[in-house]
Amino acid sequence: MKVLVTGGAGYIGSHVVKELLRCGCSVTVFDNLSSGLRENLFQEAEFIYGDILDYDKILEVMKGGFDAIVHLAALKAAGESMLQPEKYSHNNITGTLNILNAASQTKIRKIVFSSSAAVYGEPEYLPIDEKHRTNPENFYGFTKLEIERFLLWYEKLKSFRFASLRYFNAAGYDIDGQIKGLEQNPANLIPVIMETACGMRGELQIFGNDYDTPDGTCIRDYIHVTDLAAAHAAALDYISKNDRSLVINLGSEKGSSVNEVLETARRITDRPIPAKIAGRRHGDPAKLTASASLARELLGWQAKYSDLETLISTSWNVYKEQCSER
């Protein structure tokens, strides 16, 4: 299968490319390298420098003939999205419409879309399944949900088949140690802890320690990026074989608190990792965990590497090289 991966030089994208290559796909990466890195590219995959906001460019590329698209190119900082909604509307929504319209024109009908658990907003019950109400609390989540709605219309009007994958908290690094490019300006807990362990940050801020959880800190569902990558390949296989779209959660179904993650990181890295308590952030629920039962049922998928030990140790294997260079 010939697959175009937008955002394939990024943190998640590079792991997805590796998995698609492992499955025997012919892969072309399309990336503007705004957050992706050349060092994340694989020699076996073709690389085309380009931006999803450049419709003529993406159309020209798609005329090369592809069986499917895996779309991971997006801005993803929830906090920034609340301050700069124009930027997120333009990049995430307009950019995706460029992809859908070019795909329609070139008769590419299969797409795997990188969505987000941010579409759900404040949980009404746990674990969150795909039937949970969608009510995003940040503009980033809104853009993801709007794209899902566009996909439903393109399915109806243009016979698209899509898989919308609602990630929880992606973390960790390639189990084999091939991918070493660090996330650029990370906002998620584990890479921030890693940067603090390396001295790239002075200290970790813990946003609230008075939540209704066993240790007072927020609980989140962390999924290893290698598990995420496997789900993309499985979802592409599913929509290809079944001629049917799907919307699924991807999570470990286990929750870890901020303090649990921090203490595990201190033990594995053997670094003090300074931390201080800061005020709660608006919109942060106490607990967020996923139900991934539908992914198991439809894709035969399960999280294999998403235990806290593996998440931290594979991250540290990459970050400690940065420490030695400092």
C-alpha atoms as a PDB file:
ATOM      1  CA  MET A   1       0.000   0.000   0.000  1.00  0.00           C
ATOM      2  CA  LYS A   2       1.270   3.460  -0.900  1.00  0.00           C
ATOM      3  CA  VAL A   3       0.678   5.864   2.002  1.00  0.00           C
ATOM      4  CA  LEU A   4       1.151   9.627   2.341  1.00  0.00           C
ATOM      5  CA  VAL A   5       1.906  10.685   5.932  1.00  0.00           C
ATOM      6  CA  THR A   6       1.422  14.372   6.672  1.00  0.00           C
ATOM      7  CA  GLY A   7       3.462  15.416   9.704  1.00  0.00           C
ATOM      8  CA  GLY A   8       5.567  12.279   9.374  1.00  0.00           C
ATOM      9  CA  ALA A   9       8.749  13.922  10.691  1.00  0.00           C
ATOM     10  CA  GLY A  10       7.135  14.762  14.022  1.00  0.00           C
ATOM     11  CA  TYR A  11       7.250  12.921  17.327  1.00  0.00           C
ATOM     12  CA  ILE A  12       4.190  10.716  16.739  1.00  0.00           C
ATOM     13  CA  GLY A  13       4.480  10.842  12.958  1.00  0.00           C
ATOM     14  CA  SER A  14       7.963   9.326  12.871  1.00  0.00           C
ATOM     15  CA  HIS A  15       6.818   6.380  14.986  1.00  0.00           C
ATOM     16  CA  VAL A  16       3.830   5.871  12.675  1.00  0.00           C
ATOM     17  CA  VAL A  17       6.107   5.947   9.621  1.00  0.00           C
ATOM     18  CA  LYS A  18       8.356   3.332  11.202  1.00  0.00           C
ATOM     19  CA  GLU A  19       5.373   1.042  11.835  1.00  0.00           C
ATOM     20  CA  LEU A  20       3.976   1.474   8.306  1.00  0.00           C
ATOM     21  CA  LEU A  21       7.382   0.625   6.842  1.00  0.00           C
ATOM     22  CA  ARG A  22       7.540  -2.427   9.088  1.00  0.00           C
ATOM     23  CA  CYS A  23       4.164  -3.511   7.701  1.00  0.00           C
ATOM     24  CA  GLY A  24       5.499  -3.304   4.144  1.00  0.00           C
ATOM     25  CA  CYS A  25       3.897  -0.015   3.077  1.00  0.00           C
ATOM     26  CA  SER A  26       5.534   2.398   0.652  1.00  0.00           C
ATOM     27  CA  VAL A  27       5.617   5.670   2.610  1.00  0.00           C
ATOM     28  CA  THR A  28       5.998   9.316   1.593  1.00  0.00           C
ATOM     29  CA  VAL A  29       6.369  11.918   4.346  1.00  0.00           C
ATOM     30  CA  PHE A  30       4.972  15.428   3.754  1.00  0.00           C
ATOM     31  CA  ASP A  31       6.124  17.869   6.434  1.00  0.00           C
ATOM     32  CA  ASN A  32       7.048  21.549   6.780  1.00  0.00           C
ATOM     33  CA  LEU A  33       9.481  20.761   9.637  1.00  0.00           C
ATOM     34  CA  SER A  34       7.925  23.424  11.867  1.00  0.00           C
ATOM     35  CA  SER A  35       8.035  20.908  14.714  1.00  0.00           C
ATOM     36  CA  GLY A  36       9.216  17.815  12.863  1.00  0.00           C
ATOM     37  CA  LEU A  37      12.908  17.001  12.521  1.00  0.00           C
ATOM     38  CA  ARG A  38      15.018  15.700   9.667  1.00  0.00           C
ATOM     39  CA  GLU A  39      16.664  13.308  12.084  1.00  0.00           C
ATOM     40  CA  ASN A  40      13.270  11.611  12.512  1.00  0.00           C
ATOM     41  CA  LEU A  41      13.088  10.712   8.817  1.00  0.00           C
ATOM     42  CA  PHE A  42      13.691   7.186   7.580  1.00  0.00           C
ATOM     43  CA  GLN A  43      15.839   6.489   4.550  1.00  0.00           C
ATOM     44  CA  GLU A  44      13.258   4.004   3.283  1.00  0.00           C
ATOM     45  CA  ALA A  45      10.547   6.686   3.122  1.00  0.00           C
ATOM     46  CA  GLU A  46      10.450   9.478   0.548  1.00  0.00           C
ATOM     47  CA  PHE A  47      10.422  12.970   2.058  1.00  0.00           C
ATOM     48  CA  ILE A  48       8.704  15.981   0.489  1.00  0.00           C
ATOM     49  CA  TYR A  49       9.060  19.355   2.155  1.00  0.00           C
ATOM     50  CA  GLY A  50       5.736  21.168   2.088  1.00  0.00           C
ATOM     51  CA  ASP A  51       2.942  22.764   4.062  1.00  0.00           C
ATOM     52  CA  ILE A  52      -0.666  21.577   4.224  1.00  0.00           C
ATOM     53  CA  LEU A  53      -1.712  25.226   3.831  1.00  0.00           C
ATOM     54  CA  ASP A  54      -0.248  25.152   0.295  1.00  0.00           C
ATOM     55  CA  TYR A  55      -3.117  23.547  -1.624  1.00  0.00           C
ATOM     56  CA  ASP A  56      -1.326  23.489  -4.965  1.00  0.00           C
ATOM     57  CA  LYS A  57       1.637  21.704  -3.428  1.00  0.00           C
ATOM     58  CA  ILE A  58      -0.414  19.061  -1.630  1.00  0.00           C
ATOM     59  CA  LEU A  59      -2.486  18.482  -4.782  1.00  0.00           C
ATOM     60  CA  GLU A  60       0.662  18.064  -6.860  1.00  0.00           C
ATOM     61  CA  VAL A  61       2.002  15.510  -4.387  1.00  0.00           C
ATOM     62  CA  MET A  62      -1.248  13.543  -4.271  1.00  0.00           C
ATOM     63  CA  LYS A  63      -1.287  13.276  -8.052  1.00  0.00           C
ATOM     64  CA  GLY A  64       1.662  10.921  -7.568  1.00  0.00           C
ATOM     65  CA  GLY A  65      -0.895   8.276  -6.654  1.00  0.00           C
ATOM     66  CA  PHE A  66      -1.579   7.074  -3.124  1.00  0.00           C
ATOM     67  CA  ASP A  67      -3.853   4.450  -1.654  1.00  0.00           C
ATOM     68  CA  ALA A  68      -4.294   6.227   1.669  1.00  0.00           C
ATOM     69  CA  ILE A  69      -3.364   9.221   3.813  1.00  0.00           C
ATOM     70  CA  VAL A  70      -2.359   9.295   7.473  1.00  0.00           C
ATOM     71  CA  HIS A  71      -2.917  12.864   8.627  1.00  0.00           C
ATOM     72  CA  LEU A  72      -0.899  13.970  11.668  1.00  0.00           C
ATOM     73  CA  ALA A  73       0.051  17.540  10.718  1.00  0.00           C
ATOM     74  CA  ALA A  74      -1.485  19.918  13.266  1.00  0.00           C
ATOM     75  CA  LEU A  75      -0.821  22.493  15.936  1.00  0.00           C
ATOM     76  CA  LYS A  76      -1.517  20.841  19.285  1.00  0.00           C
ATOM     77  CA  ALA A  77      -0.868  23.162  22.250  1.00  0.00           C
ATOM     78  CA  ALA A  78      -4.200  23.457  24.044  1.00  0.00           C
ATOM     79  CA  GLY A  79      -3.215  26.582  25.992  1.00  0.00           C
ATOM     80  CA  GLU A  80      -1.923  28.400  22.928  1.00  0.00           C
ATOM     81  CA  SER A  81      -5.114  27.531  21.049  1.00  0.00           C
ATOM     82  CA  MET A  82      -7.119  29.556  23.560  1.00  0.00           C
ATOM     83  CA  LEU A  83      -4.924  32.588  22.956  1.00  0.00           C
ATOM     84  CA  GLN A  84      -4.551  32.255  19.173  1.00  0.00           C
ATOM     85  CA  PRO A  85      -7.704  30.595  17.783  1.00  0.00           C
ATOM     86  CA  GLU A  86      -7.086  32.196  14.375  1.00  0.00           C
ATOM     87  CA  LYS A  87      -3.788  30.330  14.063  1.00  0.00           C
ATOM     88  CA  TYR A  88      -5.398  27.014  14.986  1.00  0.00           C
ATOM     89  CA  SER A  89      -8.399  27.546  12.701  1.00  0.00           C
ATOM     90  CA  HIS A  90      -6.122  28.286   9.767  1.00  0.00           C
ATOM     91  CA  ASN A  91      -3.631  25.485  10.287  1.00  0.00           C
ATOM     92  CA  ASN A  92      -5.766  22.658  11.647  1.00  0.00           C
ATOM     93  CA  ILE A  93      -9.087  23.212   9.881  1.00  0.00           C
ATOM     94  CA  THR A  94      -8.089  24.958   6.642  1.00  0.00           C
ATOM     95  CA  GLY A  95      -5.040  22.699   6.286  1.00  0.00           C
ATOM     96  CA  THR A  96      -7.162  19.583   6.722  1.00  0.00           C
ATOM     97  CA  LEU A  97      -9.745  20.819   4.229  1.00  0.00           C
ATOM     98  CA  ASN A  98      -6.904  21.254   1.739  1.00  0.00           C
ATOM     99  CA  ILE A  99      -5.983  17.617   2.309  1.00  0.00           C
ATOM    100  CA  LEU A 100      -9.570  16.389   1.979  1.00  0.00           C
ATOM    101  CA  ASN A 101     -10.218  18.426  -1.160  1.00  0.00           C
ATOM    102  CA  ALA A 102      -6.978  17.345  -2.808  1.00  0.00           C
ATOM    103  CA  ALA A 103      -7.702  13.744  -1.862  1.00  0.00           C
ATOM    104  CA  SER A 104     -11.171  14.049  -3.355  1.00  0.00           C
ATOM    105  CA  GLN A 105      -9.761  15.454  -6.594  1.00  0.00           C
ATOM    106  CA  THR A 106      -7.130  12.704  -6.863  1.00  0.00           C
ATOM    107  CA  LYS A 107      -9.552   9.950  -5.797  1.00  0.00           C
ATOM    108  CA  ILE A 108      -7.774   8.961  -2.582  1.00  0.00           C
ATOM    109  CA  ARG A 109     -10.591   7.687  -0.403  1.00  0.00           C
ATOM    110  CA  LYS A 110      -8.918   6.322   2.727  1.00  0.00           C
ATOM    111  CA  ILE A 111      -7.627   8.511   5.558  1.00  0.00           C
ATOM    112  CA  VAL A 112      -6.458   7.857   9.116  1.00  0.00           C
ATOM    113  CA  PHE A 113      -6.856  11.010  11.187  1.00  0.00           C
ATOM    114  CA  SER A 114      -4.974  11.941  14.341  1.00  0.00           C
ATOM    115  CA  SER A 115      -7.746  13.172  16.620  1.00  0.00           C
ATOM    116  CA  SER A 116      -7.658  13.710  20.376  1.00  0.00           C
ATOM    117  CA  ALA A 117      -9.370  12.930  23.663  1.00  0.00           C
ATOM    118  CA  ALA A 118      -9.661  16.727  23.916  1.00  0.00           C
ATOM    119  CA  VAL A 119     -12.913  16.386  21.936  1.00  0.00           C
ATOM    120  CA  TYR A 120     -14.618  15.086  25.107  1.00  0.00           C
ATOM    121  CA  GLY A 121     -13.939  17.924  27.534  1.00  0.00           C
ATOM    122  CA  GLU A 122     -14.829  17.503  31.221  1.00  0.00           C
ATOM    123  CA  PRO A 123     -15.605  13.807  31.834  1.00  0.00           C
ATOM    124  CA  GLU A 124     -19.143  12.919  32.848  1.00  0.00           C
ATOM    125  CA  TYR A 125     -18.073   9.367  33.697  1.00  0.00           C
ATOM    126  CA  LEU A 126     -14.923   7.236  33.663  1.00  0.00           C
ATOM    127  CA  PRO A 127     -13.469   5.533  31.815  1.00  0.00           C
ATOM    128  CA  ILE A 128     -14.410   7.637  28.790  1.00  0.00           C
ATOM    129  CA  ASP A 129     -15.743   5.599  25.880  1.00  0.00           C
ATOM    130  CA  GLU A 130     -16.659   6.683  22.358  1.00  0.00           C
ATOM    131  CA  LYS A 131     -20.304   7.254  23.364  1.00  0.00           C
ATOM    132  CA  HIS A 132     -19.311   9.977  25.822  1.00  0.00           C
ATOM    133  CA  ARG A 133     -20.633  13.415  24.960  1.00  0.00           C
ATOM    134  CA  THR A 134     -18.221  15.579  22.967  1.00  0.00           C
ATOM    135  CA  ASN A 135     -17.850  19.045  24.477  1.00  0.00           C
ATOM    136  CA  PRO A 136     -14.297  20.411  24.035  1.00  0.00           C
ATOM    137  CA  GLU A 137     -13.005  22.823  26.667  1.00  0.00           C
ATOM    138  CA  ASN A 138     -10.214  24.237  24.521  1.00  0.00           C
ATOM    139  CA  PHE A 139     -10.045  25.462  20.953  1.00  0.00           C
ATOM    140  CA  TYR A 140      -7.550  22.778  19.954  1.00  0.00           C
ATOM    141  CA  GLY A 141     -10.127  20.103  20.868  1.00  0.00           C
ATOM    142  CA  PHE A 142     -12.760  22.055  18.963  1.00  0.00           C
ATOM    143  CA  THR A 143     -10.652  21.945  15.781  1.00  0.00           C
ATOM    144  CA  LYS A 144     -10.266  18.179  16.099  1.00  0.00           C
ATOM    145  CA  LEU A 145     -13.994  17.683  16.573  1.00  0.00           C
ATOM    146  CA  GLU A 146     -14.836  19.911  13.606  1.00  0.00           C
ATOM    147  CA  ILE A 147     -12.492  17.885  11.408  1.00  0.00           C
ATOM    148  CA  GLU A 148     -14.260  14.704  12.512  1.00  0.00           C
ATOM    149  CA  ARG A 149     -17.535  16.288  11.383  1.00  0.00           C
ATOM    150  CA  PHE A 150     -16.020  17.167   8.003  1.00  0.00           C
ATOM    151  CA  LEU A 151     -14.874  13.568   7.655  1.00  0.00           C
ATOM    152  CA  LEU A 152     -18.422  12.337   8.265  1.00  0.00           C
ATOM    153  CA  TRP A 153     -19.681  14.571   5.434  1.00  0.00           C
ATOM    154  CA  TYR A 154     -16.908  13.514   3.062  1.00  0.00           C
ATOM    155  CA  GLU A 155     -17.779   9.913   3.865  1.00  0.00           C
ATOM    156  CA  LYS A 156     -21.395  10.595   2.971  1.00  0.00           C
ATOM    157  CA  LEU A 157     -20.805  12.752  -0.113  1.00  0.00           C
ATOM    158  CA  LYS A 158     -17.479  11.508  -1.486  1.00  0.00           C
ATOM    159  CA  SER A 159     -17.374   7.887  -0.300  1.00  0.00           C
ATOM    160  CA  PHE A 160     -14.377   8.480   1.968  1.00  0.00           C
ATOM    161  CA  ARG A 161     -13.535   5.849   4.561  1.00  0.00           C
ATOM    162  CA  PHE A 162     -11.782   7.201   7.619  1.00  0.00           C
ATOM    163  CA  ALA A 163     -10.444   6.182  10.994  1.00  0.00           C
ATOM    164  CA  SER A 164     -10.502   8.928  13.602  1.00  0.00           C
ATOM    165  CA  LEU A 165      -8.154   8.001  16.443  1.00  0.00           C
ATOM    166  CA  ARG A 166      -8.818   9.843  19.682  1.00  0.00           C
ATOM    167  CA  TYR A 167      -5.505   9.750  21.549  1.00  0.00           C
ATOM    168  CA  PHE A 168      -5.154  10.193  25.246  1.00  0.00           C
ATOM    169  CA  ASN A 169      -1.643  11.201  26.457  1.00  0.00           C
ATOM    170  CA  ALA A 170       1.065  10.038  24.052  1.00  0.00           C
ATOM    171  CA  ALA A 171       4.451   9.451  25.678  1.00  0.00           C
ATOM    172  CA  GLY A 172       7.584   7.322  25.536  1.00  0.00           C
ATOM    173  CA  TYR A 173       9.967   6.636  22.666  1.00  0.00           C
ATOM    174  CA  ASP A 174      10.620   3.956  20.095  1.00  0.00           C
ATOM    175  CA  ILE A 175      11.238   0.624  21.831  1.00  0.00           C
ATOM    176  CA  ASP A 176      14.130  -0.167  19.446  1.00  0.00           C
ATOM    177  CA  GLY A 177      15.825   3.174  20.061  1.00  0.00           C
ATOM    178  CA  GLN A 178      15.916   4.254  16.408  1.00  0.00           C
ATOM    179  CA  ILE A 179      13.950   7.494  16.817  1.00  0.00           C
ATOM    180  CA  LYS A 180      15.852  10.081  18.839  1.00  0.00           C
ATOM    181  CA  GLY A 181      14.475  13.488  17.825  1.00  0.00           C
ATOM    182  CA  LEU A 182      13.197  15.364  20.864  1.00  0.00           C
ATOM    183  CA  GLU A 183       9.771  16.969  20.939  1.00  0.00           C
ATOM    184  CA  GLN A 184       9.977  20.673  20.235  1.00  0.00           C
ATOM    185  CA  ASN A 185       8.590  22.914  23.024  1.00  0.00           C
ATOM    186  CA  PRO A 186       6.701  20.095  24.759  1.00  0.00           C
ATOM    187  CA  ALA A 187       3.795  20.878  27.059  1.00  0.00           C
ATOM    188  CA  ASN A 188       3.026  17.321  28.196  1.00  0.00           C
ATOM    189  CA  LEU A 189       4.139  15.995  31.573  1.00  0.00           C
ATOM    190  CA  ILE A 190       6.661  13.274  30.729  1.00  0.00           C
ATOM    191  CA  PRO A 191       8.836  15.241  28.276  1.00  0.00           C
ATOM    192  CA  VAL A 192       8.741  18.233  30.652  1.00  0.00           C
ATOM    193  CA  ILE A 193       9.961  15.954  33.454  1.00  0.00           C
ATOM    194  CA  MET A 194      12.701  14.664  31.148  1.00  0.00           C
ATOM    195  CA  GLU A 195      13.793  18.204  30.295  1.00  0.00           C
ATOM    196  CA  THR A 196      13.929  19.025  34.009  1.00  0.00           C
ATOM    197  CA  ALA A 197      15.980  15.899  34.687  1.00  0.00           C
ATOM    198  CA  CYS A 198      18.436  17.023  31.995  1.00  0.00           C
ATOM    199  CA  GLY A 199      18.702  20.551  33.329  1.00  0.00           C
ATOM    200  CA  MET A 200      16.999  22.001  30.272  1.00  0.00           C
ATOM    201  CA  ARG A 201      14.388  23.399  32.700  1.00  0.00           C
ATOM    202  CA  GLY A 202      14.986  24.628  36.222  1.00  0.00           C
ATOM    203  CA  GLU A 203      12.035  22.853  37.812  1.00  0.00           C
ATOM    204  CA  LEU A 204       8.770  21.092  37.146  1.00  0.00           C
ATOM    205  CA  GLN A 205       5.529  22.886  37.948  1.00  0.00           C
ATOM    206  CA  ILE A 206       2.809  20.684  39.398  1.00  0.00           C
ATOM    207  CA  PHE A 207      -0.532  22.336  38.682  1.00  0.00           C
ATOM    208  CA  GLY A 208      -2.495  21.612  41.827  1.00  0.00           C
ATOM    209  CA  ASN A 209      -2.113  19.049  44.610  1.00  0.00           C
ATOM    210  CA  ASP A 210      -5.577  19.315  46.146  1.00  0.00           C
ATOM    211  CA  TYR A 211      -7.603  17.247  43.690  1.00  0.00           C
ATOM    212  CA  ASP A 212      -9.888  14.412  44.748  1.00  0.00           C
ATOM    213  CA  THR A 213      -7.275  11.750  43.973  1.00  0.00           C
ATOM    214  CA  PRO A 214      -5.207   9.508  46.307  1.00  0.00           C
ATOM    215  CA  ASP A 215      -2.209  11.865  46.315  1.00  0.00           C
ATOM    216  CA  GLY A 216      -3.982  15.105  45.370  1.00  0.00           C
ATOM    217  CA  THR A 217      -2.444  15.389  41.887  1.00  0.00           C
ATOM    218  CA  CYS A 218      -4.208  14.867  38.566  1.00  0.00           C
ATOM    219  CA  ILE A 219      -4.511  11.367  37.095  1.00  0.00           C
ATOM    220  CA  ARG A 220      -4.048  10.847  33.357  1.00  0.00           C
ATOM    221  CA  ASP A 221      -4.025   7.950  30.907  1.00  0.00           C
ATOM    222  CA  TYR A 222      -0.613   7.660  29.215  1.00  0.00           C
ATOM    223  CA  ILE A 223      -0.187   5.627  26.043  1.00  0.00           C
ATOM    224  CA  HIS A 224       3.159   4.643  24.585  1.00  0.00           C
ATOM    225  CA  VAL A 225       3.801   6.132  21.167  1.00  0.00           C
ATOM    226  CA  THR A 226       4.784   2.699  19.806  1.00  0.00           C
ATOM    227  CA  ASP A 227       1.336   1.420  20.789  1.00  0.00           C
ATOM    228  CA  LEU A 228      -0.193   4.451  19.075  1.00  0.00           C
ATOM    229  CA  ALA A 229       1.768   3.740  15.912  1.00  0.00           C
ATOM    230  CA  ALA A 230       0.569   0.127  15.842  1.00  0.00           C
ATOM    231  CA  ALA A 231      -3.027   1.360  16.118  1.00  0.00           C
ATOM    232  CA  HIS A 232      -2.602   3.595  13.056  1.00  0.00           C
ATOM    233  CA  ALA A 233      -1.463   0.670  10.940  1.00  0.00           C
ATOM    234  CA  ALA A 234      -4.262  -1.537  12.298  1.00  0.00           C
ATOM    235  CA  ALA A 235      -6.869   1.169  11.644  1.00  0.00           C
ATOM    236  CA  LEU A 236      -5.675   1.607   8.061  1.00  0.00           C
ATOM    237  CA  ASP A 237      -5.898  -2.147   7.544  1.00  0.00           C
ATOM    238  CA  TYR A 238      -9.398  -2.178   9.053  1.00  0.00           C
ATOM    239  CA  ILE A 239     -10.915   0.525   6.857  1.00  0.00           C
ATOM    240  CA  SER A 240      -9.244  -0.994   3.782  1.00  0.00           C
ATOM    241  CA  LYS A 241     -10.557  -4.513   4.378  1.00  0.00           C
ATOM    242  CA  ASN A 242     -13.990  -3.625   5.750  1.00  0.00           C
ATOM    243  CA  ASP A 243     -14.827  -0.558   3.610  1.00  0.00           C
ATOM    244  CA  ARG A 244     -16.087   1.055   6.795  1.00  0.00           C
ATOM    245  CA  SER A 245     -15.145   4.107   8.863  1.00  0.00           C
ATOM    246  CA  LEU A 246     -14.509   4.095  12.586  1.00  0.00           C
ATOM    247  CA  VAL A 247     -13.966   6.419  15.541  1.00  0.00           C
ATOM    248  CA  ILE A 248     -11.991   4.912  18.416  1.00  0.00           C
ATOM    249  CA  ASN A 249     -10.206   5.837  21.625  1.00  0.00           C
ATOM    250  CA  LEU A 250      -6.561   4.948  22.114  1.00  0.00           C
ATOM    251  CA  GLY A 251      -5.428   4.770  25.712  1.00  0.00           C
ATOM    252  CA  SER A 252      -3.848   2.416  28.206  1.00  0.00           C
ATOM    253  CA  GLU A 253      -7.014   2.279  30.370  1.00  0.00           C
ATOM    254  CA  LYS A 254      -4.766   2.878  33.389  1.00  0.00           C
ATOM    255  CA  GLY A 255      -4.355   6.146  35.217  1.00  0.00           C
ATOM    256  CA  SER A 256      -1.158   7.530  36.718  1.00  0.00           C
ATOM    257  CA  SER A 257      -0.969  10.614  38.898  1.00  0.00           C
ATOM    258  CA  VAL A 258       1.512  13.434  38.381  1.00  0.00           C
ATOM    259  CA  ASN A 259       3.300  12.411  41.581  1.00  0.00           C
ATOM    260  CA  GLU A 260       3.490   8.767  40.492  1.00  0.00           C
ATOM    261  CA  VAL A 261       5.029   9.771  37.174  1.00  0.00           C
ATOM    262  CA  LEU A 262       7.476  12.106  38.891  1.00  0.00           C
ATOM    263  CA  GLU A 263       8.612   9.582  41.510  1.00  0.00           C
ATOM    264  CA  THR A 264       9.033   6.882  38.842  1.00  0.00           C
ATOM    265  CA  ALA A 265      11.123   9.299  36.786  1.00  0.00           C
ATOM    266  CA  ARG A 266      13.296  10.206  39.795  1.00  0.00           C
ATOM    267  CA  ARG A 267      13.987   6.524  40.420  1.00  0.00           C
ATOM    268  CA  ILE A 268      14.733   5.590  36.800  1.00  0.00           C
ATOM    269  CA  THR A 269      16.826   8.674  35.987  1.00  0.00           C
ATOM    270  CA  ASP A 270      18.517   8.833  39.393  1.00  0.00           C
ATOM    271  CA  ARG A 271      18.095  12.611  39.209  1.00  0.00           C
ATOM    272  CA  PRO A 272      16.475  14.856  41.840  1.00  0.00           C
ATOM    273  CA  ILE A 273      14.094  16.557  39.335  1.00  0.00           C
ATOM    274  CA  PRO A 274      13.122  19.706  41.288  1.00  0.00           C
ATOM    275  CA  ALA A 275       9.372  20.383  41.429  1.00  0.00           C
ATOM    276  CA  LYS A 276       7.086  22.958  42.998  1.00  0.00           C
ATOM    277  CA  ILE A 277       3.354  23.178  43.456  1.00  0.00           C
ATOM    278  CA  ALA A 278       1.613  25.820  41.349  1.00  0.00           C
ATOM    279  CA  GLY A 279      -2.058  26.736  41.114  1.00  0.00           C
ATOM    280  CA  ARG A 280      -4.585  24.633  39.285  1.00  0.00           C
ATOM    281  CA  ARG A 281      -5.027  25.241  35.575  1.00  0.00           C
ATOM    282  CA  HIS A 282      -8.507  26.120  34.367  1.00  0.00           C
ATOM    283  CA  GLY A 283     -10.266  23.160  32.815  1.00  0.00           C
ATOM    284  CA  ASP A 284      -8.020  20.448  34.277  1.00  0.00           C
ATOM    285  CA  PRO A 285     -10.227  17.573  35.482  1.00  0.00           C
ATOM    286  CA  ALA A 286      -9.012  15.504  38.429  1.00  0.00           C
ATOM    287  CA  LYS A 287      -9.043  12.221  36.486  1.00  0.00           C
ATOM    288  CA  LEU A 288      -9.033  11.196  32.826  1.00  0.00           C
ATOM    289  CA  THR A 289      -8.897   7.568  31.755  1.00  0.00           C
ATOM    290  CA  ALA A 290      -9.915   5.877  28.529  1.00  0.00           C
ATOM    291  CA  SER A 291     -11.914   2.860  27.572  1.00  0.00           C
ATOM    292  CA  ALA A 292     -10.152   1.219  24.628  1.00  0.00           C
ATOM    293  CA  SER A 293     -12.507  -1.759  24.408  1.00  0.00           C
ATOM    294  CA  LEU A 294     -13.669  -0.781  20.920  1.00  0.00           C
ATOM    295  CA  ALA A 295     -10.081  -0.744  19.642  1.00  0.00           C
ATOM    296  CA  ARG A 296      -9.604  -4.232  21.069  1.00  0.00           C
ATOM    297  CA  GLU A 297     -12.846  -5.452  19.527  1.00  0.00           C
ATOM    298  CA  LEU A 298     -12.458  -3.959  16.041  1.00  0.00           C
ATOM    299  CA  LEU A 299      -8.685  -3.833  15.588  1.00  0.00           C
ATOM    300  CA  GLY A 300      -7.473  -6.597  17.869  1.00  0.00           C
ATOM    301  CA  TRP A 301      -5.289  -3.877  19.389  1.00  0.00           C
ATOM    302  CA  GLN A 302      -4.080  -3.475  22.926  1.00  0.00           C
ATOM    303  CA  ALA A 303      -1.473  -1.334  24.632  1.00  0.00           C
ATOM    304  CA  LYS A 304       1.669  -3.457  25.085  1.00  0.00           C
ATOM    305  CA  TYR A 305       4.228  -0.869  26.152  1.00  0.00           C
ATOM    306  CA  SER A 306       2.166   1.676  28.081  1.00  0.00           C
ATOM    307  CA  ASP A 307       3.212   0.776  31.615  1.00  0.00           C
ATOM    308  CA  LEU A 308       4.845   3.644  33.486  1.00  0.00           C
ATOM    309  CA  GLU A 309       8.252   1.925  33.664  1.00  0.00           C
ATOM    310  CA  THR A 310       8.481   1.566  29.882  1.00  0.00           C
ATOM    311  CA  LEU A 311       7.140   5.050  29.216  1.00  0.00           C
ATOM    312  CA  ILE A 312       9.776   6.628  31.452  1.00  0.00           C
ATOM    313  CA  SER A 313      12.710   4.366  30.587  1.00  0.00           C
ATOM    314  CA  THR A 314      12.309   4.714  26.798  1.00  0.00           C
ATOM    315  CA  SER A 315      12.019   8.485  27.203  1.00  0.00           C
ATOM    316  CA  TRP A 316      15.103   8.638  29.416  1.00  0.00           C
ATOM    317  CA  ASN A 317      17.116   6.546  26.949  1.00  0.00           C
ATOM    318  CA  VAL A 318      16.707   9.403  24.462  1.00  0.00           C
ATOM    319  CA  TYR A 319      16.923  12.379  26.816  1.00  0.00           C
ATOM    320  CA  LYS A 320      19.980  11.219  28.754  1.00  0.00           C
ATOM    321  CA  GLU A 321      22.046  11.608  25.589  1.00  0.00           C
ATOM    322  CA  GLN A 322      21.102  15.289  25.695  1.00  0.00           C
ATOM    323  CA  CYS A 323      22.236  15.435  29.327  1.00  0.00           C
ATOM    324  CA  SER A 324      25.661  14.086  28.425  1.00  0.00           C
ATOM    325  CA  GLU A 325      26.047  16.846  25.849  1.00  0.00           C
ATOM    326  CA  ARG A 326      25.263  19.633  28.273  1.00  0.00           C
END
